[in-house]
Each structure stands twice: as structure tokens, then as C-alpha cells.
C-alpha atoms as a PDB file:
ATOM      1  CA  UNK A   1     -34.516  34.874 -34.647  1.00  0.00           C
ATOM      2  CA  UNK A   2     -33.427  38.183 -36.027  1.00  0.00           C
ATOM      3  CA  UNK A   3     -34.152  41.573 -34.501  1.00  0.00           C
ATOM      4  CA  UNK A   4     -33.248  45.242 -34.712  1.00  0.00           C
ATOM      5  CA  UNK A   5     -33.721  47.890 -32.051  1.00  0.00           C
ATOM      6  CA  UNK A   6     -34.514  51.528 -32.753  1.00  0.00           C
ATOM      7  CA  UNK A   7     -34.763  53.368 -29.458  1.00  0.00           C
ATOM      8  CA  UNK A   8     -37.691  51.862 -27.603  1.00  0.00           C
ATOM      9  CA  UNK A   9     -38.956  49.866 -30.580  1.00  0.00           C
ATOM     10  CA  UNK A  10     -37.762  46.345 -31.311  1.00  0.00           C
ATOM     11  CA  UNK A  11     -38.667  44.605 -34.568  1.00  0.00           C
ATOM     12  CA  UNK A  12     -38.415  40.810 -34.390  1.00  0.00           C
ATOM     13  CA  UNK A  13     -38.451  38.206 -37.150  1.00  0.00           C
ATOM     14  CA  UNK A  14     -38.973  34.583 -36.194  1.00  0.00           C
ATOM     15  CA  UNK A  15     -38.052  31.945 -38.742  1.00  0.00           C
ATOM     16  CA  UNK A  16     -39.790  28.656 -39.407  1.00  0.00           C
ATOM     17  CA  UNK A  17     -39.843  26.304 -36.440  1.00  0.00           C
ATOM     18  CA  UNK A  18     -38.798  28.867 -33.839  1.00  0.00           C
ATOM     19  CA  UNK A  19     -40.780  28.786 -30.594  1.00  0.00           C
ATOM     20  CA  UNK A  20     -42.717  32.042 -30.295  1.00  0.00           C
ATOM     21  CA  UNK A  21     -42.745  32.415 -26.497  1.00  0.00           C
ATOM     22  CA  UNK A  22     -39.236  31.051 -25.871  1.00  0.00           C
ATOM     23  CA  UNK A  23     -37.764  33.258 -28.594  1.00  0.00           C
ATOM     24  CA  UNK A  24     -39.358  36.372 -27.112  1.00  0.00           C
ATOM     25  CA  UNK A  25     -38.230  35.375 -23.593  1.00  0.00           C
ATOM     26  CA  UNK A  26     -34.655  35.015 -24.885  1.00  0.00           C
ATOM     27  CA  UNK A  27     -34.868  38.449 -26.513  1.00  0.00           C
ATOM     28  CA  UNK A  28     -36.163  40.046 -23.307  1.00  0.00           C
ATOM     29  CA  UNK A  29     -33.218  38.592 -21.389  1.00  0.00           C
ATOM     30  CA  UNK A  30     -30.628  39.511 -24.023  1.00  0.00           C
ATOM     31  CA  UNK A  31     -31.853  43.116 -24.365  1.00  0.00           C
ATOM     32  CA  UNK A  32     -32.677  43.445 -20.640  1.00  0.00           C
ATOM     33  CA  UNK A  33     -36.245  44.482 -21.466  1.00  0.00           C
ATOM     34  CA  UNK A  34     -38.265  44.502 -18.259  1.00  0.00           C
ATOM     35  CA  UNK A  35     -41.443  46.428 -19.121  1.00  0.00           C
ATOM     36  CA  UNK A  36     -43.274  47.154 -22.313  1.00  0.00           C
ATOM     37  CA  UNK A  37     -45.847  46.114 -24.821  1.00  0.00           C
ATOM     38  CA  UNK A  38     -46.212  43.683 -27.673  1.00  0.00           C
ATOM     39  CA  UNK A  39     -47.725  46.117 -30.134  1.00  0.00           C
ATOM     40  CA  UNK A  40     -48.454  43.775 -33.023  1.00  0.00           C
ATOM     41  CA  UNK A  41     -47.503  40.608 -34.793  1.00  0.00           C
ATOM     42  CA  UNK A  42     -48.175  39.090 -38.209  1.00  0.00           C
ATOM     43  CA  UNK A  43     -47.219  35.868 -39.904  1.00  0.00           C
ATOM     44  CA  UNK A  44     -48.288  32.287 -39.370  1.00  0.00           C
ATOM     45  CA  UNK A  45     -47.768  29.500 -36.881  1.00  0.00           C
ATOM     46  CA  UNK A  46     -48.321  25.847 -36.082  1.00  0.00           C
ATOM     47  CA  UNK A  47     -48.994  23.972 -32.864  1.00  0.00           C
ATOM     48  CA  UNK A  48     -50.581  27.106 -31.430  1.00  0.00           C
ATOM     49  CA  UNK A  49     -51.770  26.457 -27.877  1.00  0.00           C
ATOM     50  CA  UNK A  50     -54.546  28.956 -27.225  1.00  0.00           C
ATOM     51  CA  UNK A  51     -56.508  29.268 -23.988  1.00  0.00           C
ATOM     52  CA  UNK A  52     -59.867  30.667 -23.022  1.00  0.00           C
ATOM     53  CA  UNK A  53     -60.263  31.786 -19.408  1.00  0.00           C
ATOM     54  CA  UNK A  54     -63.284  30.097 -17.884  1.00  0.00           C
ATOM     55  CA  UNK A  55     -63.606  31.202 -14.290  1.00  0.00           C
ATOM     56  CA  UNK A  56     -60.160  30.839 -12.747  1.00  0.00           C
ATOM     57  CA  UNK A  57     -58.698  28.262 -15.151  1.00  0.00           C
ATOM     58  CA  UNK A  58     -57.863  28.206 -18.832  1.00  0.00           C
ATOM     59  CA  UNK A  59     -59.444  25.796 -21.279  1.00  0.00           C
ATOM     60  CA  UNK A  60     -56.621  25.151 -23.726  1.00  0.00           C
ATOM     61  CA  UNK A  61     -56.632  23.794 -27.256  1.00  0.00           C
ATOM     62  CA  UNK A  62     -53.682  23.053 -29.531  1.00  0.00           C
ATOM     63  CA  UNK A  63     -54.124  23.867 -33.219  1.00  0.00           C
ATOM     64  CA  UNK A  64     -51.616  21.638 -35.017  1.00  0.00           C
ATOM     65  CA  UNK A  65     -52.288  22.846 -38.589  1.00  0.00           C
ATOM     66  CA  UNK A  66     -50.785  26.061 -39.957  1.00  0.00           C
ATOM     67  CA  UNK A  67     -52.785  29.157 -39.045  1.00  0.00           C
ATOM     68  CA  UNK A  68     -52.517  32.750 -40.209  1.00  0.00           C
ATOM     69  CA  UNK A  69     -51.860  35.140 -37.302  1.00  0.00           C
ATOM     70  CA  UNK A  70     -54.493  37.880 -37.665  1.00  0.00           C
ATOM     71  CA  UNK A  71     -53.855  39.651 -34.346  1.00  0.00           C
ATOM     72  CA  UNK A  72     -51.043  39.437 -31.777  1.00  0.00           C
ATOM     73  CA  UNK A  73     -50.580  41.797 -28.826  1.00  0.00           C
ATOM     74  CA  UNK A  74     -49.804  41.876 -25.134  1.00  0.00           C
ATOM     75  CA  UNK A  75     -47.778  43.236 -22.248  1.00  0.00           C
ATOM     76  CA  UNK A  76     -44.322  42.641 -20.784  1.00  0.00           C
ATOM     77  CA  UNK A  77     -43.810  42.971 -17.024  1.00  0.00           C
ATOM     78  CA  UNK A  78     -41.170  42.399 -14.372  1.00  0.00           C
ATOM     79  CA  UNK A  79     -43.312  39.786 -12.616  1.00  0.00           C
ATOM     80  CA  UNK A  80     -44.272  36.300 -13.679  1.00  0.00           C
ATOM     81  CA  UNK A  81     -45.538  35.653 -16.162  1.00  0.00           C
ATOM     82  CA  UNK A  82     -43.231  38.051 -18.007  1.00  0.00           C
ATOM     83  CA  UNK A  83     -45.550  38.209 -21.019  1.00  0.00           C
ATOM     84  CA  UNK A  84     -49.311  38.181 -21.367  1.00  0.00           C
ATOM     85  CA  UNK A  85     -50.081  37.605 -25.046  1.00  0.00           C
ATOM     86  CA  UNK A  86     -53.393  37.361 -26.857  1.00  0.00           C
ATOM     87  CA  UNK A  87     -53.653  36.008 -30.373  1.00  0.00           C
ATOM     88  CA  UNK A  88     -56.218  35.528 -33.112  1.00  0.00           C
ATOM     89  CA  UNK A  89     -55.425  32.985 -35.796  1.00  0.00           C
ATOM     90  CA  UNK A  90     -57.310  31.754 -38.840  1.00  0.00           C
ATOM     91  CA  UNK A  91     -57.169  28.343 -40.466  1.00  0.00           C
ATOM     92  CA  UNK A  92     -57.588  27.407 -44.138  1.00  0.00           C
ATOM     93  CA  UNK A  93     -61.363  27.426 -43.596  1.00  0.00           C
ATOM     94  CA  UNK A  94     -61.147  31.134 -42.591  1.00  0.00           C
ATOM     95  CA  UNK A  95     -62.534  30.357 -39.140  1.00  0.00           C
ATOM     96  CA  UNK A  96     -60.731  32.451 -36.533  1.00  0.00           C
ATOM     97  CA  UNK A  97     -59.828  31.279 -33.043  1.00  0.00           C
ATOM     98  CA  UNK A  98     -58.426  33.476 -30.339  1.00  0.00           C
ATOM     99  CA  UNK A  99     -57.402  33.797 -26.737  1.00  0.00           C
ATOM    100  CA  UNK A 100     -54.328  33.638 -24.540  1.00  0.00           C
ATOM    101  CA  UNK A 101     -51.238  32.282 -26.334  1.00  0.00           C
ATOM    102  CA  UNK A 102     -49.381  29.647 -24.300  1.00  0.00           C
ATOM    103  CA  UNK A 103     -47.066  28.263 -27.006  1.00  0.00           C
ATOM    104  CA  UNK A 104     -46.559  27.739 -30.725  1.00  0.00           C
ATOM    105  CA  UNK A 105     -44.008  27.803 -33.505  1.00  0.00           C
ATOM    106  CA  UNK A 106     -43.548  30.178 -36.407  1.00  0.00           C
ATOM    107  CA  UNK A 107     -44.381  28.660 -39.800  1.00  0.00           C
ATOM    108  CA  UNK A 108     -43.135  29.982 -42.112  1.00  0.00           C
ATOM    109  CA  UNK A 109     -42.341  33.172 -40.142  1.00  0.00           C
ATOM    110  CA  UNK A 110     -43.575  35.857 -37.773  1.00  0.00           C
ATOM    111  CA  UNK A 111     -42.864  39.570 -37.611  1.00  0.00           C
ATOM    112  CA  UNK A 112     -43.405  41.181 -34.208  1.00  0.00           C
ATOM    113  CA  UNK A 113     -43.190  44.782 -33.009  1.00  0.00           C
ATOM    114  CA  UNK A 114     -42.304  45.431 -29.348  1.00  0.00           C
ATOM    115  CA  UNK A 115     -42.210  48.690 -27.424  1.00  0.00           C
ATOM    116  CA  UNK A 116     -39.859  48.790 -24.425  1.00  0.00           C
ATOM    117  CA  UNK A 117     -40.920  51.210 -21.702  1.00  0.00           C
ATOM    118  CA  UNK A 118     -38.179  53.017 -19.809  1.00  0.00           C
ATOM    119  CA  UNK A 119     -40.464  54.920 -17.430  1.00  0.00           C
ATOM    120  CA  UNK A 120     -43.466  52.643 -16.787  1.00  0.00           C
ATOM    121  CA  UNK A 121     -42.738  49.779 -14.404  1.00  0.00           C
ATOM    122  CA  UNK A 122     -45.207  46.931 -14.110  1.00  0.00           C
ATOM    123  CA  UNK A 123     -45.498  43.601 -12.372  1.00  0.00           C
ATOM    124  CA  UNK A 124     -48.196  40.975 -11.781  1.00  0.00           C
ATOM    125  CA  UNK A 125     -50.067  40.344  -8.567  1.00  0.00           C
ATOM    126  CA  UNK A 126     -52.345  37.415  -7.810  1.00  0.00           C
ATOM    127  CA  UNK A 127     -55.880  38.623  -7.113  1.00  0.00           C
ATOM    128  CA  UNK A 128     -57.977  36.117  -5.201  1.00  0.00           C
ATOM    129  CA  UNK A 129     -61.232  37.524  -6.618  1.00  0.00           C
ATOM    130  CA  UNK A 130     -60.269  36.790 -10.239  1.00  0.00           C
ATOM    131  CA  UNK A 131     -57.715  34.029  -9.676  1.00  0.00           C
ATOM    132  CA  UNK A 132     -55.453  35.860 -12.140  1.00  0.00           C
ATOM    133  CA  UNK A 133     -52.041  37.469 -11.883  1.00  0.00           C
ATOM    134  CA  UNK A 134     -53.248  40.973 -12.706  1.00  0.00           C
ATOM    135  CA  UNK A 135     -51.228  43.933 -13.911  1.00  0.00           C
ATOM    136  CA  UNK A 136     -49.814  46.121 -11.134  1.00  0.00           C
ATOM    137  CA  UNK A 137     -48.008  49.419 -11.610  1.00  0.00           C
ATOM    138  CA  UNK A 138     -44.863  49.834  -9.514  1.00  0.00           C
END
């Protein structure tokens, strides 16, 4: 993983085989980023585990073949989970799948833009009505 920071913006490049979520978690720890947004991401990945929320549980599917990342965004909070990322990805057949990203690897690379917030503090709180850890402003 390579990255450069310019004020509140962080530009990240993941190389082939790097775990998307683990790499971003390592960056958050290294740069002490507690709150912010995943503004965008482009590139491609393999072994993308994507979930669709049905009721209070996710239906997950792993896409082993390489897929083009067509959309990648989310939030970064102080509470668990630290990141909430949604992704759309297209296969060679141009069919696009999307949902919550649980895991995956860059192949051949990914470029991601983060925005670190200095003044907005956020966490996650379990809401019984939705069964989700929803965004909470601190």
C-alpha cells in the first residue's frame, strides 16, 4: 500500500493481492484517522465478499473472478465497525453487483480517496428496530 496525505485528504493505492479492508484499517491506525468518509474508489478486485441486508442479517456472496470496481464509498467512525463501505463491481459480462463490502483483494490495483474529518465525530450504535449499528454523531 502506498498513500499520500494532503491536509484532510488521503489518496491510497493498493497493489495486487492487498486486502482492501485490512489495508484501510492499517492506514486508519497509522494515521490516527478516527472519523471521515471514503469518498471514492476505482480499480479492480478479486474474492470480493459483498452482502445484501435482508431484514437484520446480510446475505453474502463471494465473487472469486476479477471484477471492475465501478463505485466505492462509505464512512469511517470511532465505533465498531470502523468502516461502512458499499461497492458496485462489474464482471466480464458487464453485469454489476453491489452492496456492503466485507472483504476482497485488489487485482491489479485500487485507488481510493479518503477525507478525514477533524470536527465531525461519529460512532455506531446498535438500534434494536433495524438490527444495525447505525451512525451516531458525538
